[in-house]
């Protein structure tokens, strides 16, 4: 028997043994639901900041989190549900409408200082602001954003105000914050971008104080 024949028989015996052997059952690695959920939210937040609601799909978000699109929908129901949670997450730790700011002796000045600081030259716009700005053209995203703003920032500010027209005054204050961010940080209006921070804080403080304290 030639060497090739012997090798062929040996290979055949090994193949038979392999076919007859029981396959080892590997238990699936347990998934940490909390960690997975956080990874999906983080991926979605990055994606929405970069491209807005309409500019990104569930598959891309899933890929960024290292999971499947099916798993994203299992955790959040839909892209809409995921977007709503991301927006709510950006509002969970406010930088302007903090309890300390609203309860201070001069809330107008505190709000003004915080707004000037977060829009400083060279600073990175807040994630929540970028998501709102880049998603505003989407009707559904705008509806979701409005719901979240009213549920969080607007409700908190309205509850802190006294006097008449509290809801309207709170809404104007929020519009002032958003408009100032757009004009100073995104568009870079020269008179705002190059202004002395103290001068801007002085102007804004008077406006915020009137809105917070009432007329």
N, C-alpha and C. Protein backbone atom coordinates (compact mmCIF):
# COMPACT_ATOMS: atom_id res chain seq x y z
N UNK A 1 0.86 -1.19 0.00
CA UNK A 1 0.00 0.00 0.00
C UNK A 1 0.89 1.23 0.00
N UNK A 2 0.59 2.10 -0.90
CA UNK A 2 1.42 3.31 -0.99
C UNK A 2 1.10 4.27 0.15
N UNK A 3 1.99 5.20 0.36
CA UNK A 3 1.84 6.17 1.44
C UNK A 3 0.57 7.00 1.31
N UNK A 4 0.16 7.29 0.07
CA UNK A 4 -1.05 8.09 -0.15
C UNK A 4 -2.29 7.33 0.27
N UNK A 5 -2.30 6.00 0.01
CA UNK A 5 -3.45 5.19 0.41
C UNK A 5 -3.58 5.15 1.93
N UNK A 6 -2.42 4.94 2.62
CA UNK A 6 -2.45 4.89 4.08
C UNK A 6 -2.96 6.22 4.67
N UNK A 7 -2.47 7.32 4.11
CA UNK A 7 -2.92 8.63 4.59
C UNK A 7 -4.40 8.83 4.38
N UNK A 8 -4.92 8.31 3.23
CA UNK A 8 -6.33 8.45 2.93
C UNK A 8 -7.18 7.69 3.94
N UNK A 9 -6.72 6.45 4.32
CA UNK A 9 -7.47 5.66 5.29
C UNK A 9 -7.48 6.31 6.67
N UNK A 10 -6.30 6.82 7.07
CA UNK A 10 -6.22 7.49 8.36
C UNK A 10 -7.17 8.68 8.41
N UNK A 11 -7.18 9.47 7.34
CA UNK A 11 -8.06 10.64 7.27
C UNK A 11 -9.52 10.23 7.33
N UNK A 12 -9.85 9.11 6.64
CA UNK A 12 -11.24 8.64 6.62
C UNK A 12 -11.69 8.22 8.01
N UNK A 13 -10.80 7.51 8.77
CA UNK A 13 -11.15 7.09 10.12
C UNK A 13 -11.40 8.30 11.03
N UNK A 14 -10.53 9.32 10.88
CA UNK A 14 -10.71 10.53 11.68
C UNK A 14 -12.02 11.22 11.35
N UNK A 15 -12.35 11.21 10.06
CA UNK A 15 -13.57 11.87 9.64
C UNK A 15 -14.79 11.15 10.20
N UNK A 16 -14.74 9.79 10.20
CA UNK A 16 -15.84 9.01 10.75
C UNK A 16 -16.01 9.30 12.24
N UNK A 17 -14.86 9.36 12.95
CA UNK A 17 -14.94 9.64 14.38
C UNK A 17 -15.55 11.01 14.63
N UNK A 18 -15.15 11.98 13.79
CA UNK A 18 -15.69 13.33 13.97
C UNK A 18 -17.20 13.37 13.74
N UNK A 19 -17.65 12.62 12.71
CA UNK A 19 -19.07 12.62 12.40
C UNK A 19 -19.87 11.93 13.49
N UNK A 20 -19.29 10.92 14.09
CA UNK A 20 -19.98 10.18 15.12
C UNK A 20 -19.93 10.83 16.48
N UNK A 21 -18.96 11.73 16.64
CA UNK A 21 -18.81 12.36 17.95
C UNK A 21 -19.93 13.36 18.21
N UNK A 22 -20.30 13.49 19.47
CA UNK A 22 -21.32 14.46 19.84
C UNK A 22 -20.73 15.86 19.83
N UNK A 23 -21.45 16.75 19.26
CA UNK A 23 -21.00 18.15 19.23
C UNK A 23 -21.12 18.77 20.60
N UNK A 24 -20.09 19.48 20.98
CA UNK A 24 -20.11 20.14 22.29
C UNK A 24 -21.11 21.29 22.25
N UNK A 25 -21.92 21.35 23.25
CA UNK A 25 -22.92 22.42 23.35
C UNK A 25 -22.32 23.56 24.15
N UNK A 26 -22.18 24.70 23.49
CA UNK A 26 -21.61 25.88 24.15
C UNK A 26 -22.75 26.76 24.61
N UNK A 27 -22.85 26.95 25.89
CA UNK A 27 -23.91 27.79 26.44
C UNK A 27 -23.71 29.23 26.02
N UNK A 28 -24.76 29.91 25.59
CA UNK A 28 -24.62 31.31 25.20
C UNK A 28 -24.16 32.17 26.37
N UNK A 29 -23.27 33.10 26.04
CA UNK A 29 -22.76 33.97 27.09
C UNK A 29 -23.89 34.88 27.59
N UNK A 30 -24.11 34.92 28.89
CA UNK A 30 -25.20 35.75 29.41
C UNK A 30 -24.99 37.22 29.07
N UNK A 31 -26.08 37.87 28.71
CA UNK A 31 -26.01 39.28 28.34
C UNK A 31 -26.46 40.13 29.52
N UNK A 32 -25.69 41.15 29.82
CA UNK A 32 -26.03 42.07 30.89
C UNK A 32 -26.98 43.11 30.31
N UNK A 33 -28.24 43.03 30.68
CA UNK A 33 -29.25 43.90 30.09
C UNK A 33 -28.95 45.37 30.31
N UNK A 34 -28.50 45.70 31.51
CA UNK A 34 -28.22 47.10 31.82
C UNK A 34 -27.06 47.64 30.98
N UNK A 35 -26.01 46.83 30.85
CA UNK A 35 -24.86 47.24 30.05
C UNK A 35 -25.24 47.37 28.57
N UNK A 36 -26.01 46.41 28.08
CA UNK A 36 -26.44 46.44 26.68
C UNK A 36 -27.29 47.67 26.40
N UNK A 37 -28.20 47.93 27.29
CA UNK A 37 -29.08 49.10 27.12
C UNK A 37 -28.27 50.39 27.10
N UNK A 38 -27.30 50.49 28.00
CA UNK A 38 -26.46 51.68 28.06
C UNK A 38 -25.63 51.83 26.79
N UNK A 39 -25.16 50.71 26.24
CA UNK A 39 -24.36 50.75 25.01
C UNK A 39 -25.20 51.23 23.83
N UNK A 40 -26.44 50.79 23.77
CA UNK A 40 -27.33 51.22 22.69
C UNK A 40 -27.63 52.71 22.82
N UNK A 41 -27.91 53.17 24.03
CA UNK A 41 -28.18 54.59 24.24
C UNK A 41 -26.98 55.45 23.87
N UNK A 42 -25.78 54.99 24.25
CA UNK A 42 -24.58 55.75 23.94
C UNK A 42 -24.35 55.82 22.44
N UNK A 43 -24.56 54.70 21.75
CA UNK A 43 -24.39 54.68 20.29
C UNK A 43 -25.42 55.59 19.62
N UNK A 44 -26.67 55.53 20.08
CA UNK A 44 -27.73 56.37 19.52
C UNK A 44 -27.44 57.85 19.76
N UNK A 45 -26.97 58.16 20.93
CA UNK A 45 -26.66 59.55 21.26
C UNK A 45 -25.59 60.10 20.32
N UNK A 46 -24.52 59.33 20.10
CA UNK A 46 -23.46 59.76 19.18
C UNK A 46 -24.01 59.94 17.77
N UNK A 47 -24.84 59.00 17.35
CA UNK A 47 -25.37 59.05 15.99
C UNK A 47 -26.32 60.23 15.79
N UNK A 48 -27.21 60.47 16.75
CA UNK A 48 -28.15 61.58 16.63
C UNK A 48 -27.45 62.93 16.72
N UNK A 49 -26.40 63.02 17.53
CA UNK A 49 -25.63 64.26 17.61
C UNK A 49 -24.99 64.57 16.25
N UNK A 50 -24.52 63.55 15.60
CA UNK A 50 -23.82 63.72 14.32
C UNK A 50 -24.76 63.96 13.15
N UNK A 51 -25.87 63.23 13.10
CA UNK A 51 -26.69 63.26 11.90
C UNK A 51 -28.16 63.59 12.12
N UNK A 52 -28.60 63.73 13.35
CA UNK A 52 -30.01 64.01 13.59
C UNK A 52 -30.87 62.77 13.44
N UNK A 53 -32.16 62.95 13.68
CA UNK A 53 -33.09 61.83 13.68
C UNK A 53 -33.19 61.15 12.32
N UNK A 54 -33.36 61.92 11.27
CA UNK A 54 -33.55 61.35 9.94
C UNK A 54 -32.25 60.84 9.31
N UNK A 55 -31.12 61.26 9.85
CA UNK A 55 -29.84 60.93 9.22
C UNK A 55 -29.22 59.63 9.68
N UNK A 56 -29.90 58.88 10.51
CA UNK A 56 -29.32 57.64 11.02
C UNK A 56 -30.42 56.59 11.17
N UNK A 57 -30.07 55.33 10.94
CA UNK A 57 -31.02 54.25 11.06
C UNK A 57 -30.71 53.34 12.23
N UNK A 58 -31.65 52.45 12.52
CA UNK A 58 -31.49 51.54 13.65
C UNK A 58 -30.30 50.61 13.44
N UNK A 59 -30.07 50.17 12.21
CA UNK A 59 -28.95 49.26 11.94
C UNK A 59 -27.61 49.91 12.28
N UNK A 60 -27.47 51.18 11.92
CA UNK A 60 -26.23 51.89 12.21
C UNK A 60 -26.04 52.04 13.72
N UNK A 61 -27.10 52.36 14.41
CA UNK A 61 -27.04 52.50 15.87
C UNK A 61 -26.68 51.15 16.50
N UNK A 62 -27.31 50.10 16.00
CA UNK A 62 -27.03 48.76 16.53
C UNK A 62 -25.57 48.39 16.31
N UNK A 63 -25.05 48.70 15.12
CA UNK A 63 -23.66 48.39 14.82
C UNK A 63 -22.71 49.12 15.76
N UNK A 64 -23.03 50.35 16.09
CA UNK A 64 -22.19 51.12 16.99
C UNK A 64 -22.19 50.58 18.40
N UNK A 65 -23.25 49.84 18.75
CA UNK A 65 -23.36 49.26 20.09
C UNK A 65 -22.92 47.79 20.12
N UNK A 66 -22.62 47.24 18.93
CA UNK A 66 -22.22 45.85 18.87
C UNK A 66 -23.35 44.87 19.07
N UNK A 67 -24.56 45.27 18.67
CA UNK A 67 -25.73 44.40 18.82
C UNK A 67 -26.49 44.38 17.49
N UNK A 68 -27.59 43.66 17.45
CA UNK A 68 -28.42 43.60 16.25
C UNK A 68 -29.54 44.63 16.32
N UNK A 69 -30.07 44.97 15.15
CA UNK A 69 -31.19 45.91 15.09
C UNK A 69 -32.40 45.33 15.83
N UNK A 70 -32.56 44.00 15.77
CA UNK A 70 -33.67 43.36 16.48
C UNK A 70 -33.57 43.59 17.98
N UNK A 71 -32.35 43.57 18.49
CA UNK A 71 -32.17 43.77 19.93
C UNK A 71 -32.47 45.22 20.31
N UNK A 72 -32.11 46.16 19.45
CA UNK A 72 -32.42 47.57 19.71
C UNK A 72 -33.93 47.75 19.83
N UNK A 73 -34.67 47.15 18.91
CA UNK A 73 -36.13 47.27 18.96
C UNK A 73 -36.71 46.53 20.15
N UNK A 74 -36.05 45.46 20.58
CA UNK A 74 -36.53 44.73 21.75
C UNK A 74 -36.42 45.58 23.01
N UNK A 75 -35.35 46.36 23.09
CA UNK A 75 -35.12 47.19 24.28
C UNK A 75 -35.94 48.48 24.25
N UNK A 76 -36.09 49.06 23.06
CA UNK A 76 -36.70 50.40 22.99
C UNK A 76 -37.98 50.48 22.17
N UNK A 77 -38.38 49.38 21.57
CA UNK A 77 -39.62 49.36 20.84
C UNK A 77 -39.52 49.82 19.40
N UNK A 78 -38.83 50.93 19.18
CA UNK A 78 -38.71 51.50 17.85
C UNK A 78 -37.65 52.59 17.87
N UNK A 79 -37.35 53.12 16.72
CA UNK A 79 -36.41 54.24 16.62
C UNK A 79 -36.99 55.45 17.35
N UNK A 80 -38.29 55.64 17.27
CA UNK A 80 -38.94 56.76 17.96
C UNK A 80 -38.75 56.64 19.48
N UNK A 81 -38.97 55.42 19.99
CA UNK A 81 -38.80 55.21 21.42
C UNK A 81 -37.37 55.44 21.86
N UNK A 82 -36.43 55.02 21.05
CA UNK A 82 -35.02 55.21 21.35
C UNK A 82 -34.67 56.70 21.34
N UNK A 83 -35.16 57.42 20.35
CA UNK A 83 -34.89 58.86 20.25
C UNK A 83 -35.44 59.59 21.47
N UNK A 84 -36.63 59.22 21.88
CA UNK A 84 -37.25 59.86 23.05
C UNK A 84 -36.40 59.64 24.29
N UNK A 85 -35.87 58.44 24.46
CA UNK A 85 -35.04 58.16 25.64
C UNK A 85 -33.71 58.88 25.59
N UNK A 86 -33.15 59.01 24.40
CA UNK A 86 -31.89 59.75 24.27
C UNK A 86 -32.11 61.22 24.63
N UNK A 87 -33.17 61.80 24.09
CA UNK A 87 -33.46 63.21 24.39
C UNK A 87 -33.71 63.39 25.89
N UNK A 88 -34.47 62.49 26.49
CA UNK A 88 -34.74 62.57 27.93
C UNK A 88 -33.44 62.45 28.72
N UNK A 89 -32.54 61.60 28.26
CA UNK A 89 -31.26 61.42 28.94
C UNK A 89 -30.43 62.70 28.92
N UNK A 90 -30.48 63.43 27.80
CA UNK A 90 -29.70 64.67 27.72
C UNK A 90 -30.25 65.74 28.67
N UNK A 91 -31.50 65.58 29.08
CA UNK A 91 -32.12 66.56 29.97
C UNK A 91 -32.03 66.17 31.44
N UNK A 92 -31.47 64.99 31.70
CA UNK A 92 -31.45 64.47 33.07
C UNK A 92 -30.54 65.27 33.99
N UNK A 93 -29.51 65.87 33.42
CA UNK A 93 -28.56 66.63 34.24
C UNK A 93 -28.40 68.03 33.65
N UNK A 94 -29.36 68.93 33.87
CA UNK A 94 -29.32 70.27 33.29
C UNK A 94 -28.14 71.09 33.82
N UNK A 95 -27.65 71.98 32.97
CA UNK A 95 -26.55 72.85 33.36
C UNK A 95 -27.02 74.27 33.67
N UNK A 96 -28.17 74.63 33.17
CA UNK A 96 -28.71 75.98 33.40
C UNK A 96 -29.86 75.94 34.39
N UNK A 97 -30.84 75.08 34.15
CA UNK A 97 -32.02 75.02 35.01
C UNK A 97 -31.81 74.05 36.16
N UNK A 98 -30.75 74.25 36.91
CA UNK A 98 -30.50 73.41 38.08
C UNK A 98 -31.31 73.92 39.26
N UNK A 99 -31.47 73.08 40.26
CA UNK A 99 -32.21 73.49 41.45
C UNK A 99 -31.49 74.62 42.16
N UNK A 100 -30.15 74.56 42.18
CA UNK A 100 -29.36 75.61 42.82
C UNK A 100 -29.56 76.95 42.11
N UNK A 101 -29.61 76.91 40.79
CA UNK A 101 -29.82 78.14 40.01
C UNK A 101 -31.19 78.74 40.29
N UNK A 102 -32.20 77.92 40.21
CA UNK A 102 -33.57 78.41 40.37
C UNK A 102 -33.86 78.87 41.79
N UNK A 103 -33.15 78.30 42.78
CA UNK A 103 -33.39 78.66 44.18
C UNK A 103 -32.44 79.76 44.67
N UNK A 104 -31.55 80.24 43.80
CA UNK A 104 -30.58 81.25 44.24
C UNK A 104 -31.25 82.60 44.44
N UNK A 105 -30.56 83.51 45.10
CA UNK A 105 -31.10 84.85 45.35
C UNK A 105 -31.26 85.65 44.07
N UNK A 106 -30.41 85.34 43.08
CA UNK A 106 -30.47 86.05 41.81
C UNK A 106 -30.44 85.02 40.67
N UNK A 107 -31.57 84.34 40.44
CA UNK A 107 -31.59 83.29 39.43
C UNK A 107 -31.29 83.79 38.02
N UNK A 108 -31.67 85.02 37.72
CA UNK A 108 -31.39 85.57 36.41
C UNK A 108 -29.91 85.63 36.12
N UNK A 109 -29.14 86.10 37.09
CA UNK A 109 -27.69 86.18 36.92
C UNK A 109 -27.07 84.79 36.84
N UNK A 110 -27.59 83.85 37.63
CA UNK A 110 -27.06 82.49 37.62
C UNK A 110 -27.32 81.81 36.28
N UNK A 111 -28.51 81.99 35.75
CA UNK A 111 -28.83 81.42 34.45
C UNK A 111 -28.00 82.04 33.35
N UNK A 112 -27.82 83.34 33.41
CA UNK A 112 -27.02 84.04 32.40
C UNK A 112 -25.58 83.57 32.42
N UNK A 113 -25.00 83.46 33.59
CA UNK A 113 -23.61 83.02 33.70
C UNK A 113 -23.43 81.61 33.14
N UNK A 114 -24.39 80.74 33.44
CA UNK A 114 -24.30 79.36 32.96
C UNK A 114 -24.42 79.31 31.44
N UNK A 115 -25.33 80.09 30.86
CA UNK A 115 -25.52 80.10 29.41
C UNK A 115 -24.30 80.65 28.70
N UNK A 116 -23.72 81.72 29.21
CA UNK A 116 -22.51 82.29 28.59
C UNK A 116 -21.35 81.29 28.66
N UNK A 117 -21.27 80.57 29.75
CA UNK A 117 -20.19 79.60 29.92
C UNK A 117 -20.30 78.43 28.95
N UNK A 118 -21.50 77.87 28.78
CA UNK A 118 -21.63 76.70 27.91
C UNK A 118 -21.55 77.07 26.43
N UNK A 119 -21.67 78.35 26.10
CA UNK A 119 -21.54 78.78 24.70
C UNK A 119 -20.22 79.50 24.46
N UNK A 120 -19.27 79.33 25.35
CA UNK A 120 -17.98 80.02 25.23
C UNK A 120 -17.28 79.66 23.92
N UNK A 121 -16.42 80.55 23.48
CA UNK A 121 -15.67 80.35 22.24
C UNK A 121 -14.81 79.09 22.35
N UNK A 122 -14.89 78.24 21.34
CA UNK A 122 -14.11 77.02 21.34
C UNK A 122 -14.76 75.86 22.06
N UNK A 123 -15.88 76.12 22.72
CA UNK A 123 -16.56 75.05 23.44
C UNK A 123 -17.39 74.18 22.50
N UNK A 124 -17.65 72.97 22.91
CA UNK A 124 -18.45 72.04 22.12
C UNK A 124 -19.92 72.19 22.50
N UNK A 125 -20.80 72.41 21.52
CA UNK A 125 -22.22 72.53 21.84
C UNK A 125 -22.73 71.29 22.58
N UNK A 126 -23.67 71.48 23.48
CA UNK A 126 -24.21 70.37 24.25
C UNK A 126 -24.87 69.34 23.33
N UNK A 127 -24.77 68.07 23.72
CA UNK A 127 -25.35 67.00 22.90
C UNK A 127 -26.83 67.21 22.66
N UNK A 128 -27.57 67.52 23.73
CA UNK A 128 -29.00 67.70 23.58
C UNK A 128 -29.35 68.81 22.60
N UNK A 129 -28.60 69.89 22.65
CA UNK A 129 -28.83 71.01 21.74
C UNK A 129 -28.55 70.59 20.30
N UNK A 130 -27.45 69.88 20.07
CA UNK A 130 -27.12 69.45 18.71
C UNK A 130 -28.16 68.47 18.17
N UNK A 131 -28.62 67.58 19.01
CA UNK A 131 -29.64 66.62 18.58
C UNK A 131 -30.91 67.34 18.17
N UNK A 132 -31.34 68.29 18.98
CA UNK A 132 -32.55 69.06 18.67
C UNK A 132 -32.39 69.84 17.36
N UNK A 133 -31.25 70.49 17.23
CA UNK A 133 -31.01 71.33 16.06
C UNK A 133 -31.00 70.50 14.77
N UNK A 134 -30.34 69.36 14.81
CA UNK A 134 -30.20 68.54 13.61
C UNK A 134 -31.41 67.67 13.34
N UNK A 135 -32.34 67.63 14.28
CA UNK A 135 -33.54 66.80 14.09
C UNK A 135 -34.80 67.62 13.89
N UNK A 136 -34.69 68.94 13.99
CA UNK A 136 -35.88 69.80 13.97
C UNK A 136 -36.66 69.72 12.66
N UNK A 137 -35.99 69.38 11.56
CA UNK A 137 -36.67 69.32 10.26
C UNK A 137 -37.61 68.12 10.17
N UNK A 138 -37.43 67.14 11.04
CA UNK A 138 -38.29 65.96 11.04
C UNK A 138 -39.53 66.25 11.88
N UNK A 139 -40.69 66.09 11.29
CA UNK A 139 -41.93 66.38 12.00
C UNK A 139 -42.07 65.49 13.24
N UNK A 140 -41.79 64.20 13.07
CA UNK A 140 -41.95 63.28 14.21
C UNK A 140 -40.91 63.55 15.29
N UNK A 141 -39.68 63.84 14.87
CA UNK A 141 -38.64 64.15 15.86
C UNK A 141 -38.98 65.42 16.62
N UNK A 142 -39.52 66.41 15.93
CA UNK A 142 -39.91 67.66 16.58
C UNK A 142 -41.02 67.42 17.59
N UNK A 143 -41.94 66.53 17.27
CA UNK A 143 -43.02 66.20 18.20
C UNK A 143 -42.47 65.53 19.46
N UNK A 144 -41.54 64.59 19.25
CA UNK A 144 -40.94 63.89 20.38
C UNK A 144 -40.14 64.87 21.23
N UNK A 145 -39.37 65.74 20.58
CA UNK A 145 -38.57 66.73 21.30
C UNK A 145 -39.46 67.65 22.12
N UNK A 146 -40.57 68.09 21.53
CA UNK A 146 -41.49 68.97 22.25
C UNK A 146 -42.04 68.27 23.49
N UNK A 147 -42.43 67.02 23.33
CA UNK A 147 -42.96 66.26 24.46
C UNK A 147 -41.94 66.17 25.59
N UNK A 148 -40.69 65.92 25.24
CA UNK A 148 -39.65 65.77 26.26
C UNK A 148 -39.30 67.12 26.91
N UNK A 149 -39.26 68.18 26.12
CA UNK A 149 -38.98 69.51 26.67
C UNK A 149 -40.08 69.91 27.65
N UNK A 150 -41.32 69.69 27.26
CA UNK A 150 -42.43 70.06 28.14
C UNK A 150 -42.45 69.21 29.40
N UNK A 151 -42.06 67.96 29.28
CA UNK A 151 -42.06 67.05 30.42
C UNK A 151 -40.93 67.34 31.40
N UNK A 152 -39.82 67.86 30.91
CA UNK A 152 -38.65 68.08 31.75
C UNK A 152 -38.38 69.58 32.00
N UNK A 153 -37.69 70.24 31.06
CA UNK A 153 -37.26 71.62 31.28
C UNK A 153 -38.41 72.58 31.53
N UNK A 154 -39.44 72.50 30.69
CA UNK A 154 -40.53 73.46 30.81
C UNK A 154 -41.31 73.25 32.10
N UNK A 155 -41.57 72.01 32.45
CA UNK A 155 -42.29 71.73 33.69
C UNK A 155 -41.52 72.20 34.90
N UNK A 156 -40.20 71.93 34.91
CA UNK A 156 -39.37 72.32 36.06
C UNK A 156 -39.31 73.83 36.22
N UNK A 157 -39.15 74.53 35.10
CA UNK A 157 -39.04 75.99 35.18
C UNK A 157 -40.38 76.61 35.54
N UNK A 158 -41.44 76.13 34.96
CA UNK A 158 -42.77 76.66 35.27
C UNK A 158 -43.09 76.50 36.76
N UNK A 159 -42.74 75.35 37.32
CA UNK A 159 -43.01 75.10 38.74
C UNK A 159 -42.21 76.02 39.65
N UNK A 160 -41.08 76.50 39.15
CA UNK A 160 -40.22 77.36 39.98
C UNK A 160 -40.64 78.83 39.94
N UNK A 161 -41.50 79.19 39.00
CA UNK A 161 -41.90 80.58 38.85
C UNK A 161 -43.13 80.90 39.69
N UNK A 162 -43.30 82.17 39.95
CA UNK A 162 -44.46 82.64 40.71
C UNK A 162 -45.12 83.78 39.94
N UNK A 163 -46.37 84.04 40.24
CA UNK A 163 -47.06 85.13 39.58
C UNK A 163 -47.88 84.66 38.40
N UNK A 164 -48.10 85.56 37.47
CA UNK A 164 -48.94 85.27 36.31
C UNK A 164 -48.12 84.78 35.13
N UNK A 165 -48.80 84.09 34.22
CA UNK A 165 -48.21 83.64 32.95
C UNK A 165 -46.93 82.83 33.16
N UNK A 166 -46.95 81.96 34.15
CA UNK A 166 -45.73 81.21 34.45
C UNK A 166 -45.32 80.29 33.31
N UNK A 167 -46.27 79.61 32.68
CA UNK A 167 -45.95 78.71 31.58
C UNK A 167 -45.38 79.47 30.39
N UNK A 168 -45.99 80.64 30.12
CA UNK A 168 -45.51 81.44 28.98
C UNK A 168 -44.12 82.02 29.26
N UNK A 169 -43.90 82.50 30.46
CA UNK A 169 -42.59 83.05 30.81
C UNK A 169 -41.51 81.98 30.76
N UNK A 170 -41.86 80.78 31.22
CA UNK A 170 -40.90 79.67 31.17
C UNK A 170 -40.56 79.32 29.72
N UNK A 171 -41.56 79.33 28.86
CA UNK A 171 -41.34 79.01 27.45
C UNK A 171 -40.45 80.05 26.78
N UNK A 172 -40.66 81.32 27.10
CA UNK A 172 -39.83 82.38 26.51
C UNK A 172 -38.39 82.24 27.00
N UNK A 173 -38.21 81.89 28.26
CA UNK A 173 -36.86 81.70 28.79
C UNK A 173 -36.14 80.57 28.06
N UNK A 174 -36.86 79.48 27.81
CA UNK A 174 -36.26 78.36 27.08
C UNK A 174 -35.93 78.76 25.64
N UNK A 175 -36.81 79.54 25.03
CA UNK A 175 -36.55 80.01 23.67
C UNK A 175 -35.32 80.92 23.63
N UNK A 176 -35.16 81.73 24.67
CA UNK A 176 -33.99 82.61 24.76
C UNK A 176 -32.71 81.78 24.86
N UNK A 177 -32.75 80.74 25.66
CA UNK A 177 -31.58 79.87 25.80
C UNK A 177 -31.23 79.22 24.47
N UNK A 178 -32.23 78.65 23.79
CA UNK A 178 -31.98 77.97 22.53
C UNK A 178 -31.51 78.94 21.44
N UNK A 179 -32.17 80.09 21.35
CA UNK A 179 -31.79 81.07 20.34
C UNK A 179 -30.38 81.60 20.54
N UNK A 180 -30.02 81.83 21.79
CA UNK A 180 -28.68 82.33 22.09
C UNK A 180 -27.63 81.30 21.71
N UNK A 181 -27.91 80.04 21.97
CA UNK A 181 -26.98 78.97 21.59
C UNK A 181 -26.79 78.92 20.08
N UNK A 182 -27.88 79.03 19.35
CA UNK A 182 -27.79 78.99 17.88
C UNK A 182 -26.97 80.16 17.36
N UNK A 183 -27.30 81.37 17.78
CA UNK A 183 -26.67 82.55 17.22
C UNK A 183 -25.21 82.71 17.64
N UNK A 184 -24.89 82.33 18.89
CA UNK A 184 -23.52 82.51 19.35
C UNK A 184 -22.62 81.33 19.01
N UNK A 185 -23.14 80.12 19.19
CA UNK A 185 -22.28 78.94 19.09
C UNK A 185 -22.33 78.25 17.73
N UNK A 186 -23.47 78.24 17.08
CA UNK A 186 -23.59 77.55 15.80
C UNK A 186 -23.36 78.49 14.62
N UNK A 187 -24.04 79.63 14.61
CA UNK A 187 -23.88 80.58 13.52
C UNK A 187 -22.67 81.47 13.74
N UNK A 188 -22.38 81.76 14.99
CA UNK A 188 -21.21 82.58 15.29
C UNK A 188 -21.41 84.05 14.98
N UNK A 189 -22.58 84.58 15.30
CA UNK A 189 -22.85 86.00 15.09
C UNK A 189 -21.75 86.82 15.77
N UNK A 190 -21.08 87.67 15.01
CA UNK A 190 -19.87 88.34 15.49
C UNK A 190 -20.07 89.08 16.81
N UNK A 191 -21.16 89.81 16.92
CA UNK A 191 -21.39 90.60 18.13
C UNK A 191 -21.59 89.74 19.37
N UNK A 192 -21.92 88.47 19.16
CA UNK A 192 -22.05 87.55 20.28
C UNK A 192 -20.78 86.73 20.48
N UNK A 193 -20.25 86.23 19.37
CA UNK A 193 -19.07 85.36 19.46
C UNK A 193 -17.84 86.09 19.98
N UNK A 194 -17.71 87.37 19.60
CA UNK A 194 -16.52 88.13 19.99
C UNK A 194 -16.76 89.03 21.21
N UNK A 195 -17.95 88.97 21.77
CA UNK A 195 -18.27 89.86 22.90
C UNK A 195 -17.58 89.40 24.18
N UNK A 196 -17.40 90.35 25.08
CA UNK A 196 -16.86 90.02 26.40
C UNK A 196 -17.92 89.22 27.17
N UNK A 197 -17.54 88.11 27.75
CA UNK A 197 -18.51 87.28 28.48
C UNK A 197 -19.27 88.05 29.55
N UNK A 198 -18.58 88.97 30.23
CA UNK A 198 -19.23 89.74 31.30
C UNK A 198 -20.35 90.62 30.75
N UNK A 199 -20.11 91.19 29.55
CA UNK A 199 -21.13 92.05 28.94
C UNK A 199 -22.37 91.23 28.58
N UNK A 200 -22.17 90.07 28.01
CA UNK A 200 -23.29 89.21 27.65
C UNK A 200 -24.05 88.75 28.88
N UNK A 201 -23.31 88.40 29.92
CA UNK A 201 -23.95 87.94 31.15
C UNK A 201 -24.80 89.03 31.77
N UNK A 202 -24.34 90.27 31.68
CA UNK A 202 -25.09 91.40 32.24
C UNK A 202 -26.42 91.59 31.50
N UNK A 203 -26.35 91.53 30.18
CA UNK A 203 -27.57 91.70 29.37
C UNK A 203 -28.55 90.57 29.62
N UNK A 204 -28.04 89.35 29.57
CA UNK A 204 -28.91 88.19 29.75
C UNK A 204 -29.51 88.13 31.16
N UNK A 205 -28.74 88.53 32.15
CA UNK A 205 -29.22 88.47 33.53
C UNK A 205 -30.49 89.29 33.70
N UNK A 206 -30.53 90.47 33.09
CA UNK A 206 -31.71 91.33 33.20
C UNK A 206 -32.93 90.67 32.55
N UNK A 207 -32.70 90.07 31.40
CA UNK A 207 -33.80 89.41 30.69
C UNK A 207 -34.33 88.22 31.48
N UNK A 208 -33.42 87.38 31.92
CA UNK A 208 -33.83 86.18 32.68
C UNK A 208 -34.50 86.56 34.01
N UNK A 209 -33.97 87.62 34.64
CA UNK A 209 -34.54 88.01 35.92
C UNK A 209 -35.99 88.47 35.78
N UNK A 210 -36.26 89.22 34.72
CA UNK A 210 -37.64 89.66 34.46
C UNK A 210 -38.56 88.45 34.22
N UNK A 211 -38.05 87.46 33.48
CA UNK A 211 -38.86 86.30 33.17
C UNK A 211 -39.09 85.42 34.40
N UNK A 212 -38.08 85.31 35.22
CA UNK A 212 -38.18 84.46 36.41
C UNK A 212 -39.00 85.12 37.51
N UNK A 213 -38.75 86.38 37.76
CA UNK A 213 -39.43 87.09 38.84
C UNK A 213 -40.79 87.65 38.46
N UNK A 214 -41.03 87.84 37.20
CA UNK A 214 -42.31 88.38 36.75
C UNK A 214 -42.24 89.88 36.60
N UNK A 215 -43.31 90.41 36.06
CA UNK A 215 -43.33 91.85 35.74
C UNK A 215 -44.02 92.66 36.84
